[in-house]
Amino acid sequence: MAFEPAVVFPGVLFDGAQRYAKDADTATPVPSIIQEMGWSATLIPEADGGYGGSFNDLGSLIEGMAARAVNLPILTRCGIVPAMLGAAPAGAAVEGLRAQIAAGEACAEFAGPLTHRESQALPVLSSGTGGWTLAGKLEPVELTAECSHILFNAVDAGSGAALVIQADAAQLAGRAASYATVEGRPVQSLDLNGFPLADANILARGDAATAMQSAGWQIAQAAIGADIVCTMNYALAETLRYLQERKQFGQALAQFQVLRHDAAKLYVIFESCKCLLMSSLRSLDGAKHPSESAAAFDLLGLYVREQAIEFAQAAIQLHGGMGMTQETLAARMATRLIALAFRYGDAYSHIKALGEFQGASGQ
């Protein structure tokens, strides 16, 4: 039952991220490392001062964290925010923020839901005699000390048009209520009721905002799929190591046939998810029609989210009582898988979207 996890997204960024993850305190990692290492500029084009990397580079960062179940806001700060800003209409505010992020002078965090598919309601923007005001709340958001900007989606109360808004993080800090997610991420809920905004805070409206949301959603689904696959990879290695080292009735658990069968199922799940992920990532190049590209990520999201829960449950069972303790790396990885299965959507939201796609295409 030998298994040595092969790196899914090899590269220089993986080496650096893995080294940090090995040394980090998994209970309280330092989010500012993202800005200090320049990781938030990974997907920003070189013309804007960024790294000009591809999804493989983002995947390297994700895999480095997944290898040790370290929770850092890589997905939002290195993936969603740059993707949305890259799809934004040209403007001084967008270009200035992108350049500041690339230079390490700004830290932008994404807050709240990416689309209307998610269970949380989008904030509502209304006009009044004194300007614009917001109603609603944003959660979850990893608002930390180094954050200078918050990026989020909203809806125009009058027209129902989609909006993408940026706000000063310092002004929102006093409206935050902190809590922890199931996998231990320290996040906040932001009360936006009565929060004032100016026209300059609105980065995009209508179709332009929808395009930004779509770009953020696609990179999020690809990144979540990559995180699930990479976490499975290292969780499988941890589980097999445990079965080989733990003894019962005078022999290693790895010698029991029923446990060997369960371990083989984990390997099949991992390989199946990995193959689908690599196939789906081809849709990021924009070669497909937008609806077909979205359907590809809906299929990926549906499959890997369902398999992530099954994989996590099996890994916990194979560890017995040790699988219930957060001190065990495999247990933290299992918790990570379950949390990822419900981040920015769930299996049901993907099933519903695929049904709508099939109906629209007449299949």
Protein backbone atom coordinates (compact mmCIF):
# COMPACT_ATOMS: atom_id res chain seq x y z
CA MET A 1 0.00 0.00 0.00
CA ALA A 2 2.84 2.40 -0.76
CA PHE A 3 1.72 5.83 -1.99
CA GLU A 4 3.89 8.88 -2.46
CA PRO A 5 1.82 11.97 -3.36
CA ALA A 6 2.97 13.48 -6.65
CA VAL A 7 2.74 17.27 -6.82
CA VAL A 8 -0.35 18.24 -8.83
CA PHE A 9 0.76 21.83 -9.54
CA PRO A 10 4.59 21.84 -9.45
CA GLY A 11 6.54 25.09 -9.58
CA VAL A 12 8.55 27.64 -7.66
CA LEU A 13 5.44 29.00 -5.95
CA PHE A 14 4.58 25.54 -4.64
CA ASP A 15 8.01 25.18 -3.08
CA GLY A 16 7.70 28.51 -1.29
CA ALA A 17 4.13 27.91 -0.16
CA GLN A 18 4.91 24.42 1.11
CA ARG A 19 7.90 25.67 3.09
CA TYR A 20 5.73 28.31 4.75
CA ALA A 21 2.96 25.79 5.44
CA LYS A 22 5.37 23.38 7.12
CA ASP A 23 6.63 26.08 9.48
CA ALA A 24 3.27 27.81 10.06
CA ASP A 25 1.13 27.40 13.12
CA THR A 26 -1.93 25.75 11.57
CA ALA A 27 -4.18 27.20 14.29
CA THR A 28 -3.14 30.82 13.67
CA PRO A 29 -1.43 31.28 10.29
CA VAL A 30 -0.46 34.83 9.33
CA PRO A 31 -2.52 36.15 6.35
CA SER A 32 -0.10 39.05 5.81
CA ILE A 33 2.38 36.52 4.33
CA ILE A 34 0.30 36.66 1.13
CA GLN A 35 1.11 40.34 0.64
CA GLU A 36 4.68 40.02 1.91
CA MET A 37 5.48 37.23 -0.57
CA GLY A 38 3.70 38.99 -3.44
CA TRP A 39 1.34 36.04 -3.94
CA SER A 40 -1.65 38.33 -4.48
CA ALA A 41 -0.01 39.52 -7.73
CA THR A 42 0.17 35.98 -9.17
CA LEU A 43 -2.66 36.41 -11.69
CA ILE A 44 -2.13 40.13 -12.32
CA PRO A 45 -0.57 40.73 -15.79
CA GLU A 46 3.05 41.82 -16.04
CA ALA A 47 1.92 45.00 -17.80
CA ASP A 48 0.24 46.00 -14.55
CA GLY A 49 3.26 45.10 -12.45
CA GLY A 50 2.09 41.60 -11.52
CA TYR A 51 3.58 38.13 -11.86
CA GLY A 52 1.59 37.38 -15.02
CA GLY A 53 1.04 33.80 -13.93
CA SER A 54 -1.43 31.14 -15.02
CA PHE A 55 -3.87 29.05 -13.03
CA ASN A 56 -1.10 26.50 -12.52
CA ASP A 57 0.73 29.12 -10.42
CA LEU A 58 -2.38 29.77 -8.35
CA GLY A 59 -2.78 26.01 -8.02
CA SER A 60 0.78 25.81 -6.66
CA LEU A 61 -0.12 28.19 -3.83
CA ILE A 62 -3.32 26.30 -3.10
CA GLU A 63 -1.49 22.97 -3.05
CA GLY A 64 1.19 24.31 -0.72
CA MET A 65 -1.50 25.19 1.83
CA ALA A 66 -3.50 22.00 1.25
CA ALA A 67 -0.45 19.82 1.95
CA ARG A 68 -0.55 20.89 5.60
CA ALA A 69 -4.23 21.95 5.87
CA VAL A 70 -3.23 25.59 6.47
CA ASN A 71 -6.07 28.09 6.08
CA LEU A 72 -5.05 31.32 4.36
CA PRO A 73 -7.26 33.52 2.11
CA ILE A 74 -5.39 32.44 -1.04
CA LEU A 75 -8.65 31.83 -2.92
CA THR A 76 -10.04 35.32 -2.42
CA ARG A 77 -6.91 37.51 -2.46
CA CYS A 78 -4.90 35.64 -5.10
CA GLY A 79 -7.75 34.25 -7.22
CA ILE A 80 -11.14 35.93 -7.05
CA VAL A 81 -10.05 39.56 -6.63
CA PRO A 82 -7.46 39.56 -9.49
CA ALA A 83 -9.87 37.66 -11.77
CA MET A 84 -12.69 40.14 -11.15
CA LEU A 85 -10.44 43.17 -11.57
CA GLY A 86 -9.08 41.66 -14.78
CA ALA A 87 -12.61 41.44 -16.18
CA ALA A 88 -13.60 44.94 -15.01
CA PRO A 89 -14.24 47.80 -17.45
CA ALA A 90 -11.26 50.12 -17.88
CA GLY A 91 -11.15 52.90 -15.34
CA ALA A 92 -8.81 54.76 -13.05
CA ALA A 93 -10.18 53.10 -9.91
CA VAL A 94 -9.73 49.54 -11.23
CA GLU A 95 -6.34 50.16 -12.78
CA GLY A 96 -5.10 51.97 -9.69
CA LEU A 97 -6.19 49.21 -7.33
CA ARG A 98 -4.68 46.51 -9.54
CA ALA A 99 -1.35 48.37 -9.65
CA GLN A 100 -1.39 48.89 -5.87
CA ILE A 101 -2.02 45.19 -5.26
CA ALA A 102 0.80 44.23 -7.63
CA ALA A 103 3.17 46.60 -5.83
CA GLY A 104 2.17 45.27 -2.42
CA GLU A 105 0.75 48.66 -1.44
CA ALA A 106 -2.84 47.43 -1.13
CA CYS A 107 -4.55 44.29 0.08
CA ALA A 108 -8.02 43.62 -1.34
CA GLU A 109 -10.26 40.97 0.19
CA PHE A 110 -13.43 39.62 -1.43
CA ALA A 111 -16.50 39.45 0.81
CA GLY A 112 -19.85 37.70 0.63
CA PRO A 113 -21.44 35.63 -2.13
CA LEU A 114 -20.14 35.55 -5.69
CA THR A 115 -23.53 34.99 -7.35
CA HIS A 116 -27.23 34.84 -6.58
CA ARG A 117 -26.93 31.02 -6.48
CA GLU A 118 -25.60 31.08 -2.94
CA SER A 119 -27.85 31.08 0.11
CA GLN A 120 -26.74 34.50 1.37
CA ALA A 121 -28.66 37.49 0.02
CA LEU A 122 -26.66 40.14 -1.83
CA PRO A 123 -26.52 43.62 -0.24
CA VAL A 124 -28.89 46.19 -1.75
CA LEU A 125 -27.80 49.67 -2.86
CA SER A 126 -30.34 52.50 -2.68
CA SER A 127 -30.14 56.16 -3.66
CA GLY A 128 -31.22 58.91 -1.32
CA THR A 129 -30.91 62.64 -0.82
CA GLY A 130 -27.46 62.20 0.70
CA GLY A 131 -26.11 59.78 -1.92
CA TRP A 132 -25.93 55.99 -1.96
CA THR A 133 -26.56 53.77 1.05
CA LEU A 134 -26.35 50.01 1.53
CA ALA A 135 -28.66 47.57 3.27
CA GLY A 136 -27.92 43.98 4.28
CA LYS A 137 -24.82 42.18 5.43
CA LEU A 138 -21.74 40.46 4.09
CA GLU A 139 -20.41 37.11 5.25
CA PRO A 140 -18.04 35.48 5.41
CA VAL A 141 -15.11 37.86 4.99
CA GLU A 142 -11.55 37.41 6.23
CA LEU A 143 -11.02 41.00 7.25
CA THR A 144 -7.52 41.20 8.73
CA ALA A 145 -5.27 44.08 9.77
CA GLU A 146 -3.48 44.39 6.42
CA CYS A 147 -6.71 44.66 4.38
CA SER A 148 -7.08 48.07 2.72
CA HIS A 149 -10.02 47.34 0.41
CA ILE A 150 -13.10 45.13 0.42
CA LEU A 151 -14.59 43.99 -2.90
CA PHE A 152 -18.16 42.67 -2.99
CA ASN A 153 -21.25 42.19 -5.14
CA ALA A 154 -24.55 43.98 -4.63
CA VAL A 155 -27.89 44.71 -6.30
CA ASP A 156 -29.37 48.06 -7.32
CA ALA A 157 -32.66 48.53 -5.43
CA GLY A 158 -34.25 50.48 -8.25
CA SER A 159 -33.31 48.57 -11.39
CA GLY A 160 -32.24 45.20 -9.98
CA ALA A 161 -28.95 45.54 -11.88
CA ALA A 162 -25.88 43.72 -10.68
CA LEU A 163 -23.19 45.83 -9.04
CA VAL A 164 -19.56 45.32 -8.04
CA ILE A 165 -18.47 47.63 -5.23
CA GLN A 166 -15.20 48.42 -3.50
CA ALA A 167 -15.09 49.95 -0.04
CA ASP A 168 -12.48 51.12 2.42
CA ALA A 169 -11.73 48.22 4.78
CA ALA A 170 -10.95 50.56 7.67
CA GLN A 171 -14.44 52.07 7.51
CA LEU A 172 -16.03 48.61 7.67
CA ALA A 173 -13.91 47.28 10.53
CA GLY A 174 -16.24 48.71 13.17
CA ARG A 175 -19.19 46.86 11.64
CA ALA A 176 -17.63 43.40 11.94
CA ALA A 177 -18.76 40.52 14.15
CA SER A 178 -16.17 37.73 14.33
CA TYR A 179 -16.68 33.97 14.32
CA ALA A 180 -14.88 30.86 13.10
CA THR A 181 -15.86 28.55 10.25
CA VAL A 182 -16.05 24.78 10.57
CA GLU A 183 -12.46 24.39 9.40
CA GLY A 184 -11.25 27.08 11.78
CA ARG A 185 -10.96 30.10 9.48
CA PRO A 186 -11.38 33.33 11.49
CA VAL A 187 -13.99 35.33 9.56
CA GLN A 188 -16.40 38.20 10.10
CA SER A 189 -19.95 39.18 9.31
CA LEU A 190 -20.23 42.83 8.20
CA ASP A 191 -23.38 44.85 8.95
CA LEU A 192 -23.85 47.19 5.96
CA ASN A 193 -27.16 48.78 6.96
CA GLY A 194 -26.89 52.52 6.44
CA PHE A 195 -23.31 52.36 5.14
CA PRO A 196 -22.77 55.34 2.76
CA LEU A 197 -21.10 55.04 -0.65
CA ALA A 198 -20.02 57.41 -3.43
CA ASP A 199 -20.15 56.87 -7.19
CA ALA A 200 -16.42 56.12 -7.15
CA ASN A 201 -17.09 53.03 -5.02
CA ILE A 202 -19.11 51.40 -7.81
CA LEU A 203 -16.64 49.62 -10.08
CA ALA A 204 -19.19 48.12 -12.48
CA ARG A 205 -22.91 47.96 -13.11
CA GLY A 206 -25.21 45.74 -15.18
CA ASP A 207 -23.57 43.51 -17.80
CA ALA A 208 -20.08 44.71 -16.86
CA ALA A 209 -20.69 43.70 -13.24
CA THR A 210 -22.07 40.34 -14.36
CA ALA A 211 -18.92 39.73 -16.41
CA MET A 212 -16.78 40.45 -13.34
CA GLN A 213 -18.88 38.12 -11.21
CA SER A 214 -18.62 35.38 -13.83
CA ALA A 215 -14.82 35.71 -13.94
CA GLY A 216 -14.64 35.49 -10.16
CA TRP A 217 -17.03 32.54 -10.05
CA GLN A 218 -15.08 30.53 -12.64
CA ILE A 219 -11.73 31.02 -10.93
CA ALA A 220 -13.37 30.17 -7.59
CA GLN A 221 -14.81 26.90 -8.89
CA ALA A 222 -11.49 25.95 -10.49
CA ALA A 223 -9.59 26.83 -7.30
CA ILE A 224 -12.01 24.95 -5.03
CA GLY A 225 -11.73 21.92 -7.32
CA ALA A 226 -7.93 22.20 -7.17
CA ASP A 227 -7.99 22.54 -3.37
CA ILE A 228 -10.20 19.47 -3.02
CA VAL A 229 -8.00 17.38 -5.33
CA CYS A 230 -4.76 18.49 -3.64
CA THR A 231 -6.19 17.91 -0.17
CA MET A 232 -7.30 14.43 -1.22
CA ASN A 233 -3.79 13.74 -2.51
CA TYR A 234 -2.07 14.46 0.81
CA ALA A 235 -4.90 13.10 2.95
CA LEU A 236 -4.59 9.78 1.11
CA ALA A 237 -0.85 9.69 1.85
CA GLU A 238 -1.51 10.43 5.54
CA THR A 239 -4.21 7.76 5.73
CA LEU A 240 -2.04 5.07 4.17
CA ARG A 241 0.87 6.00 6.43
CA TYR A 242 -1.42 5.61 9.44
CA LEU A 243 -2.67 2.21 8.27
CA GLN A 244 0.90 1.00 7.80
CA GLU A 245 2.11 2.23 11.21
CA ARG A 246 -0.92 1.41 13.39
CA LYS A 247 -1.04 -2.20 14.58
CA GLN A 248 -3.88 -4.36 15.81
CA PHE A 249 -3.83 -8.08 16.69
CA GLY A 250 -0.09 -8.06 16.06
CA GLN A 251 -0.17 -6.75 12.49
CA ALA A 252 -0.45 -3.44 10.68
CA LEU A 253 -3.96 -2.24 9.81
CA ALA A 254 -2.81 -2.12 6.20
CA GLN A 255 -2.83 -5.92 6.18
CA PHE A 256 -6.60 -6.15 6.76
CA GLN A 257 -8.34 -6.76 3.45
CA VAL A 258 -11.45 -4.69 4.17
CA LEU A 259 -9.32 -1.67 5.02
CA ARG A 260 -7.23 -2.19 1.89
CA HIS A 261 -10.44 -2.09 -0.17
CA ASP A 262 -11.52 1.16 1.52
CA ALA A 263 -8.09 2.68 0.85
CA ALA A 264 -8.33 1.63 -2.81
CA LYS A 265 -11.68 3.45 -3.07
CA LEU A 266 -10.02 6.63 -1.78
CA TYR A 267 -7.38 6.33 -4.49
CA VAL A 268 -10.04 5.89 -7.20
CA ILE A 269 -11.94 8.95 -5.93
CA PHE A 270 -8.77 11.04 -5.93
CA GLU A 271 -7.72 10.00 -9.44
CA SER A 272 -11.23 10.52 -10.85
CA CYS A 273 -11.47 14.01 -9.38
CA LYS A 274 -7.98 14.87 -10.57
CA CYS A 275 -8.73 13.80 -14.17
CA LEU A 276 -11.96 15.82 -14.25
CA LEU A 277 -10.19 18.85 -12.78
CA MET A 278 -7.46 18.81 -15.41
CA SER A 279 -10.03 18.43 -18.17
CA SER A 280 -12.15 21.28 -16.79
CA LEU A 281 -9.21 23.66 -16.48
CA ARG A 282 -9.03 23.78 -20.28
CA SER A 283 -12.22 25.87 -20.13
CA LEU A 284 -10.32 28.71 -18.46
CA ASP A 285 -8.64 29.62 -21.76
CA GLY A 286 -11.95 30.96 -23.06
CA ALA A 287 -12.07 28.63 -26.07
CA LYS A 288 -15.57 27.46 -25.24
CA HIS A 289 -18.81 29.43 -25.40
CA PRO A 290 -19.41 31.13 -22.00
CA SER A 291 -22.42 28.92 -21.22
CA GLU A 292 -20.45 25.75 -22.08
CA SER A 293 -17.53 26.93 -19.96
CA ALA A 294 -19.86 27.58 -17.03
CA ALA A 295 -21.42 24.14 -17.50
CA ALA A 296 -17.96 22.53 -17.42
CA PHE A 297 -17.28 24.09 -14.02
CA ASP A 298 -20.75 23.20 -12.80
CA LEU A 299 -20.03 19.57 -13.68
CA LEU A 300 -16.66 19.80 -11.93
CA GLY A 301 -18.23 21.45 -8.88
CA LEU A 302 -20.99 18.88 -8.64
CA TYR A 303 -18.69 15.87 -8.86
CA VAL A 304 -15.78 16.99 -6.68
CA ARG A 305 -18.03 18.40 -3.95
CA GLU A 306 -19.96 15.14 -3.64
CA GLN A 307 -16.77 13.10 -3.71
CA ALA A 308 -15.07 15.39 -1.18
CA ILE A 309 -17.67 14.54 1.46
CA GLU A 310 -17.46 10.80 0.75
CA PHE A 311 -13.65 10.92 0.82
CA ALA A 312 -13.59 12.85 4.10
CA GLN A 313 -15.98 10.45 5.81
CA ALA A 314 -13.98 7.42 4.68
CA ALA A 315 -10.66 8.95 5.78
CA ILE A 316 -12.07 9.68 9.24
CA GLN A 317 -13.40 6.11 9.54
CA LEU A 318 -10.05 4.63 8.54
CA HIS A 319 -8.40 6.58 11.35
CA GLY A 320 -10.88 5.31 13.92
CA GLY A 321 -10.97 7.42 17.07
CA MET A 322 -7.90 9.38 15.92
CA GLY A 323 -9.95 10.65 12.98
CA MET A 324 -12.10 12.67 15.37
CA THR A 325 -9.21 14.73 16.78
CA GLN A 326 -8.12 17.98 15.15
CA GLU A 327 -4.55 17.27 16.28
CA THR A 328 -4.41 14.66 13.49
CA LEU A 329 -3.40 16.12 10.13
CA ALA A 330 -5.71 13.80 8.21
CA ALA A 331 -8.63 14.88 10.40
CA ARG A 332 -7.94 18.54 9.63
CA MET A 333 -7.75 17.65 5.94
CA ALA A 334 -11.10 15.84 6.16
CA THR A 335 -12.64 18.91 7.81
CA ARG A 336 -11.14 21.04 5.04
CA LEU A 337 -12.74 18.84 2.38
CA ILE A 338 -16.18 19.07 3.96
CA ALA A 339 -15.92 22.86 4.26
CA LEU A 340 -14.78 23.21 0.63
CA ALA A 341 -17.81 21.21 -0.51
CA PHE A 342 -20.04 24.08 0.65
CA ARG A 343 -17.94 27.11 -0.26
CA TYR A 344 -19.29 29.40 -3.00
CA GLY A 345 -22.08 26.97 -3.76
CA ASP A 346 -22.89 23.34 -3.14
CA ALA A 347 -23.76 20.24 -5.14
CA TYR A 348 -27.43 21.24 -5.39
CA SER A 349 -26.62 24.65 -6.91
CA HIS A 350 -24.54 22.93 -9.61
CA ILE A 351 -27.29 20.38 -10.32
CA LYS A 352 -29.81 23.19 -10.75
CA ALA A 353 -27.50 25.13 -13.09
CA LEU A 354 -26.76 22.05 -15.19
CA GLY A 355 -30.49 21.40 -15.51
CA GLU A 356 -31.03 24.97 -16.73
CA PHE A 357 -28.16 24.59 -19.21
CA GLN A 358 -29.61 21.38 -20.63
CA GLY A 359 -33.04 22.98 -20.92
CA ALA A 360 -31.66 26.05 -22.72
CA SER A 361 -29.65 23.90 -25.15
CA GLY A 362 -32.59 21.61 -25.87
CA GLN A 363 -30.76 18.47 -24.75
